[in-house]
N, C-alpha and C. Protein backbone atom coordinates (compact mmCIF):
# COMPACT_ATOMS: atom_id res chain seq x y z
N MET A 1 101.25 161.02 283.95
CA MET A 1 100.78 162.17 284.70
C MET A 1 99.42 162.64 284.17
N ARG A 2 99.29 162.70 282.84
CA ARG A 2 98.04 163.11 282.23
C ARG A 2 96.92 162.12 282.57
N LEU A 3 97.26 160.85 282.53
CA LEU A 3 96.29 159.82 282.85
C LEU A 3 95.83 159.94 284.31
N LEU A 4 96.74 160.22 285.20
CA LEU A 4 96.42 160.36 286.60
C LEU A 4 95.49 161.56 286.83
N CYS A 5 95.77 162.66 286.17
CA CYS A 5 94.91 163.85 286.29
C CYS A 5 93.52 163.56 285.72
N SER A 6 93.47 162.89 284.59
CA SER A 6 92.19 162.55 283.97
C SER A 6 91.36 161.64 284.88
N LEU A 7 92.02 160.67 285.49
CA LEU A 7 91.32 159.77 286.40
C LEU A 7 90.82 160.50 287.64
N ALA A 8 91.60 161.43 288.14
CA ALA A 8 91.21 162.21 289.32
C ALA A 8 89.98 163.06 289.01
N ILE A 9 89.97 163.70 287.84
CA ILE A 9 88.83 164.52 287.44
C ILE A 9 87.59 163.66 287.24
N LEU A 10 87.75 162.53 286.57
CA LEU A 10 86.64 161.61 286.35
C LEU A 10 86.09 161.12 287.69
N PHE A 11 86.95 160.77 288.60
CA PHE A 11 86.56 160.30 289.92
C PHE A 11 85.76 161.38 290.65
N ALA A 12 86.23 162.61 290.59
CA ALA A 12 85.54 163.72 291.25
C ALA A 12 84.17 163.97 290.62
N LEU A 13 84.09 163.90 289.31
CA LEU A 13 82.81 164.13 288.63
C LEU A 13 81.79 163.05 288.95
N VAL A 14 82.24 161.84 289.14
CA VAL A 14 81.33 160.74 289.44
C VAL A 14 80.88 160.80 290.90
N LEU A 15 81.77 161.09 291.82
CA LEU A 15 81.44 161.07 293.24
C LEU A 15 80.67 162.29 293.72
N THR A 16 80.88 163.44 293.13
CA THR A 16 80.25 164.66 293.61
C THR A 16 78.73 164.55 293.68
N PRO A 17 78.05 164.13 292.61
CA PRO A 17 76.59 164.01 292.72
C PRO A 17 76.15 162.95 293.72
N LEU A 18 76.90 161.89 293.85
CA LEU A 18 76.53 160.84 294.79
C LEU A 18 76.61 161.33 296.23
N LEU A 19 77.64 162.07 296.53
CA LEU A 19 77.81 162.60 297.88
C LEU A 19 76.82 163.72 298.16
N ALA A 20 76.50 164.50 297.19
CA ALA A 20 75.57 165.61 297.36
C ALA A 20 74.17 165.10 297.69
N ASP A 21 73.74 164.00 297.10
CA ASP A 21 72.40 163.46 297.34
C ASP A 21 72.19 163.01 298.78
N LYS A 22 73.24 162.63 299.47
CA LYS A 22 73.11 162.17 300.84
C LYS A 22 72.72 163.29 301.79
N ASP A 23 73.04 164.53 301.44
CA ASP A 23 72.72 165.67 302.29
C ASP A 23 71.30 166.17 302.11
N LYS A 24 70.63 165.76 301.06
CA LYS A 24 69.30 166.26 300.77
C LYS A 24 68.26 165.52 301.63
N THR A 25 67.31 166.29 302.12
CA THR A 25 66.21 165.71 302.87
C THR A 25 65.21 165.10 301.89
N PRO A 26 64.78 163.87 302.12
CA PRO A 26 63.80 163.29 301.20
C PRO A 26 62.49 164.07 301.25
N ILE A 27 61.84 164.17 300.12
CA ILE A 27 60.59 164.91 300.05
C ILE A 27 59.44 163.96 300.37
N THR A 28 58.81 164.21 301.50
CA THR A 28 57.71 163.36 301.95
C THR A 28 56.38 163.94 301.48
N ASP A 29 55.33 163.16 301.61
CA ASP A 29 54.00 163.64 301.25
C ASP A 29 53.59 164.83 302.12
N ASP A 30 54.00 164.82 303.39
CA ASP A 30 53.68 165.95 304.27
C ASP A 30 54.33 167.24 303.79
N ILE A 31 55.56 167.15 303.35
CA ILE A 31 56.25 168.33 302.81
C ILE A 31 55.56 168.81 301.54
N ILE A 32 55.19 167.87 300.68
CA ILE A 32 54.49 168.23 299.44
C ILE A 32 53.18 168.94 299.76
N VAL A 33 52.40 168.39 300.68
CA VAL A 33 51.12 169.00 301.06
C VAL A 33 51.34 170.42 301.56
N ASP A 34 52.30 170.59 302.44
CA ASP A 34 52.59 171.93 302.98
C ASP A 34 52.98 172.90 301.88
N GLN A 35 53.84 172.47 300.96
CA GLN A 35 54.29 173.35 299.89
C GLN A 35 53.16 173.71 298.93
N VAL A 36 52.31 172.74 298.61
CA VAL A 36 51.18 173.02 297.72
C VAL A 36 50.22 174.00 298.39
N LYS A 37 49.94 173.80 299.67
CA LYS A 37 49.06 174.72 300.39
C LYS A 37 49.61 176.14 300.39
N VAL A 38 50.91 176.27 300.61
CA VAL A 38 51.54 177.60 300.62
C VAL A 38 51.42 178.26 299.24
N LYS A 39 51.73 177.49 298.20
CA LYS A 39 51.68 178.03 296.83
C LYS A 39 50.25 178.43 296.45
N LEU A 40 49.27 177.62 296.82
CA LEU A 40 47.89 177.97 296.52
C LEU A 40 47.45 179.21 297.29
N ALA A 41 47.81 179.28 298.57
CA ALA A 41 47.43 180.44 299.39
C ALA A 41 48.10 181.72 298.90
N ASP A 42 49.31 181.62 298.38
CA ASP A 42 50.04 182.80 297.90
C ASP A 42 49.52 183.33 296.58
N ASP A 43 48.75 182.52 295.85
CA ASP A 43 48.24 182.97 294.56
C ASP A 43 47.07 183.92 294.78
N SER A 44 47.09 185.06 294.10
CA SER A 44 46.07 186.09 294.31
C SER A 44 44.67 185.65 293.89
N GLU A 45 44.55 184.74 292.94
CA GLU A 45 43.23 184.29 292.48
C GLU A 45 42.77 183.02 293.19
N VAL A 46 43.64 182.08 293.35
CA VAL A 46 43.28 180.78 293.92
C VAL A 46 43.27 180.83 295.45
N GLY A 47 44.01 181.74 296.04
CA GLY A 47 44.20 181.78 297.48
C GLY A 47 42.95 181.83 298.33
N GLY A 48 41.90 182.44 297.84
CA GLY A 48 40.68 182.55 298.63
C GLY A 48 39.72 181.39 298.47
N GLN A 49 40.07 180.42 297.69
CA GLN A 49 39.18 179.29 297.42
C GLN A 49 39.34 178.21 298.50
N PRO A 50 38.22 177.55 298.87
CA PRO A 50 38.30 176.48 299.88
C PRO A 50 38.81 175.17 299.27
N ILE A 51 40.14 175.05 299.17
CA ILE A 51 40.76 173.87 298.54
C ILE A 51 41.47 173.05 299.61
N LEU A 52 41.15 171.76 299.65
CA LEU A 52 41.84 170.83 300.54
C LEU A 52 42.90 170.10 299.74
N VAL A 53 44.04 169.85 300.38
CA VAL A 53 45.17 169.22 299.71
C VAL A 53 45.58 167.97 300.48
N ASP A 54 45.81 166.89 299.75
CA ASP A 54 46.34 165.66 300.33
C ASP A 54 47.36 165.11 299.33
N ALA A 55 48.17 164.18 299.77
CA ALA A 55 49.15 163.56 298.87
C ALA A 55 49.38 162.12 299.27
N HIS A 56 49.57 161.28 298.25
CA HIS A 56 49.86 159.86 298.45
C HIS A 56 50.94 159.46 297.46
N SER A 57 52.10 159.13 297.96
CA SER A 57 53.24 158.72 297.13
C SER A 57 53.58 159.75 296.05
N GLY A 58 53.49 161.02 296.43
CA GLY A 58 53.85 162.10 295.50
C GLY A 58 52.72 162.58 294.61
N THR A 59 51.57 161.90 294.65
CA THR A 59 50.42 162.34 293.87
C THR A 59 49.54 163.22 294.75
N VAL A 60 49.33 164.44 294.31
CA VAL A 60 48.53 165.41 295.07
C VAL A 60 47.06 165.23 294.70
N VAL A 61 46.21 165.27 295.73
CA VAL A 61 44.77 165.20 295.53
C VAL A 61 44.18 166.54 295.97
N LEU A 62 43.52 167.22 295.04
CA LEU A 62 42.87 168.49 295.33
C LEU A 62 41.36 168.26 295.42
N THR A 63 40.75 168.68 296.54
CA THR A 63 39.30 168.58 296.70
C THR A 63 38.79 169.92 297.22
N GLY A 64 37.50 170.12 297.06
CA GLY A 64 36.88 171.37 297.50
C GLY A 64 36.15 172.01 296.34
N LYS A 65 35.92 173.33 296.48
CA LYS A 65 35.17 174.05 295.45
C LYS A 65 35.95 175.27 294.98
N VAL A 66 35.81 175.54 293.70
CA VAL A 66 36.33 176.77 293.10
C VAL A 66 35.19 177.40 292.31
N THR A 67 35.32 178.68 291.99
CA THR A 67 34.21 179.39 291.36
C THR A 67 34.13 179.22 289.86
N ASN A 68 35.22 178.75 289.21
CA ASN A 68 35.16 178.56 287.75
C ASN A 68 36.23 177.57 287.29
N ASP A 69 36.12 177.16 286.03
CA ASP A 69 37.04 176.17 285.46
C ASP A 69 38.48 176.68 285.40
N ARG A 70 38.63 177.98 285.17
CA ARG A 70 39.98 178.55 285.08
C ARG A 70 40.73 178.39 286.41
N LEU A 71 40.03 178.61 287.52
CA LEU A 71 40.67 178.45 288.82
C LEU A 71 40.97 176.98 289.12
N LYS A 72 40.13 176.09 288.64
CA LYS A 72 40.37 174.65 288.81
C LYS A 72 41.66 174.26 288.10
N GLU A 73 41.80 174.72 286.85
CA GLU A 73 43.00 174.43 286.07
C GLU A 73 44.25 175.10 286.68
N LYS A 74 44.08 176.32 287.17
CA LYS A 74 45.22 177.04 287.75
C LYS A 74 45.70 176.35 289.03
N ALA A 75 44.78 175.89 289.85
CA ALA A 75 45.16 175.18 291.07
C ALA A 75 45.97 173.92 290.74
N GLU A 76 45.55 173.22 289.70
CA GLU A 76 46.27 172.02 289.28
C GLU A 76 47.67 172.36 288.79
N LYS A 77 47.79 173.42 287.99
CA LYS A 77 49.10 173.83 287.48
C LYS A 77 50.04 174.23 288.62
N ILE A 78 49.50 174.94 289.60
CA ILE A 78 50.31 175.35 290.76
C ILE A 78 50.82 174.11 291.49
N ALA A 79 49.94 173.15 291.72
CA ALA A 79 50.32 171.93 292.43
C ALA A 79 51.40 171.16 291.67
N LYS A 80 51.27 171.09 290.34
CA LYS A 80 52.23 170.33 289.53
C LYS A 80 53.63 170.91 289.59
N LYS A 81 53.76 172.19 289.86
CA LYS A 81 55.06 172.85 289.89
C LYS A 81 55.84 172.62 291.18
N VAL A 82 55.20 172.07 292.19
CA VAL A 82 55.85 171.84 293.48
C VAL A 82 56.82 170.66 293.36
N LYS A 83 58.00 170.85 293.90
CA LYS A 83 59.03 169.82 293.86
C LYS A 83 58.55 168.55 294.57
N GLY A 84 58.72 167.42 293.90
CA GLY A 84 58.34 166.13 294.47
C GLY A 84 56.99 165.63 294.00
N VAL A 85 56.20 166.50 293.37
CA VAL A 85 54.88 166.09 292.88
C VAL A 85 55.05 165.27 291.61
N VAL A 86 54.46 164.08 291.61
CA VAL A 86 54.55 163.21 290.43
C VAL A 86 53.25 163.22 289.62
N GLY A 87 52.18 163.72 290.22
CA GLY A 87 50.91 163.81 289.52
C GLY A 87 49.90 164.55 290.36
N VAL A 88 48.80 164.96 289.73
CA VAL A 88 47.74 165.67 290.45
C VAL A 88 46.40 165.04 290.09
N ASP A 89 45.66 164.66 291.11
CA ASP A 89 44.29 164.16 290.95
C ASP A 89 43.38 165.32 291.32
N ASN A 90 42.87 166.01 290.30
CA ASN A 90 42.10 167.22 290.52
C ASN A 90 40.62 166.88 290.66
N LYS A 91 40.15 166.84 291.91
CA LYS A 91 38.75 166.53 292.20
C LYS A 91 37.97 167.78 292.60
N LEU A 92 38.49 168.94 292.22
CA LEU A 92 37.82 170.20 292.57
C LEU A 92 36.50 170.30 291.83
N MET A 93 35.48 170.77 292.54
CA MET A 93 34.16 170.98 291.96
C MET A 93 34.03 172.46 291.60
N VAL A 94 33.42 172.73 290.47
CA VAL A 94 33.17 174.12 290.07
C VAL A 94 31.76 174.50 290.52
N SER A 95 31.72 175.54 291.37
CA SER A 95 30.45 176.02 291.88
C SER A 95 30.54 177.55 291.96
N PRO A 96 29.73 178.26 291.18
CA PRO A 96 29.81 179.73 291.17
C PRO A 96 29.50 180.38 292.53
N ASN A 97 28.87 179.67 293.44
CA ASN A 97 28.51 180.25 294.74
C ASN A 97 29.55 179.94 295.77
C-alpha cells in the first residue's frame, strides 16, 4: 500500500510539469518585441526616447538615440527582464540632442 501511494505521488510529480507546459503559449519574437516596447514606454525616464525594438530568436536589438549613457544602460536592463529574452544587442547611440 505504501509503495502504491509513493508511486502515485511520484507519477503525479513527474507528469504535472509536463502537462502544464502544453497549455503555455510559446513566446515568439513578436511577443518579445511587444513586451519590450511596453516596458520601455512605461518607464518614466526611457519612455520618451526614440528607441526601435526588434528581435531575432529571442535576442532583442535596440536601435535609435538616447540622451545619455545611463538611459542606454537602463533600456538594455529593461529589455533583459522581459520573459523570453535570451540576449540584448544594444545599438543605441548616445546623442544629447
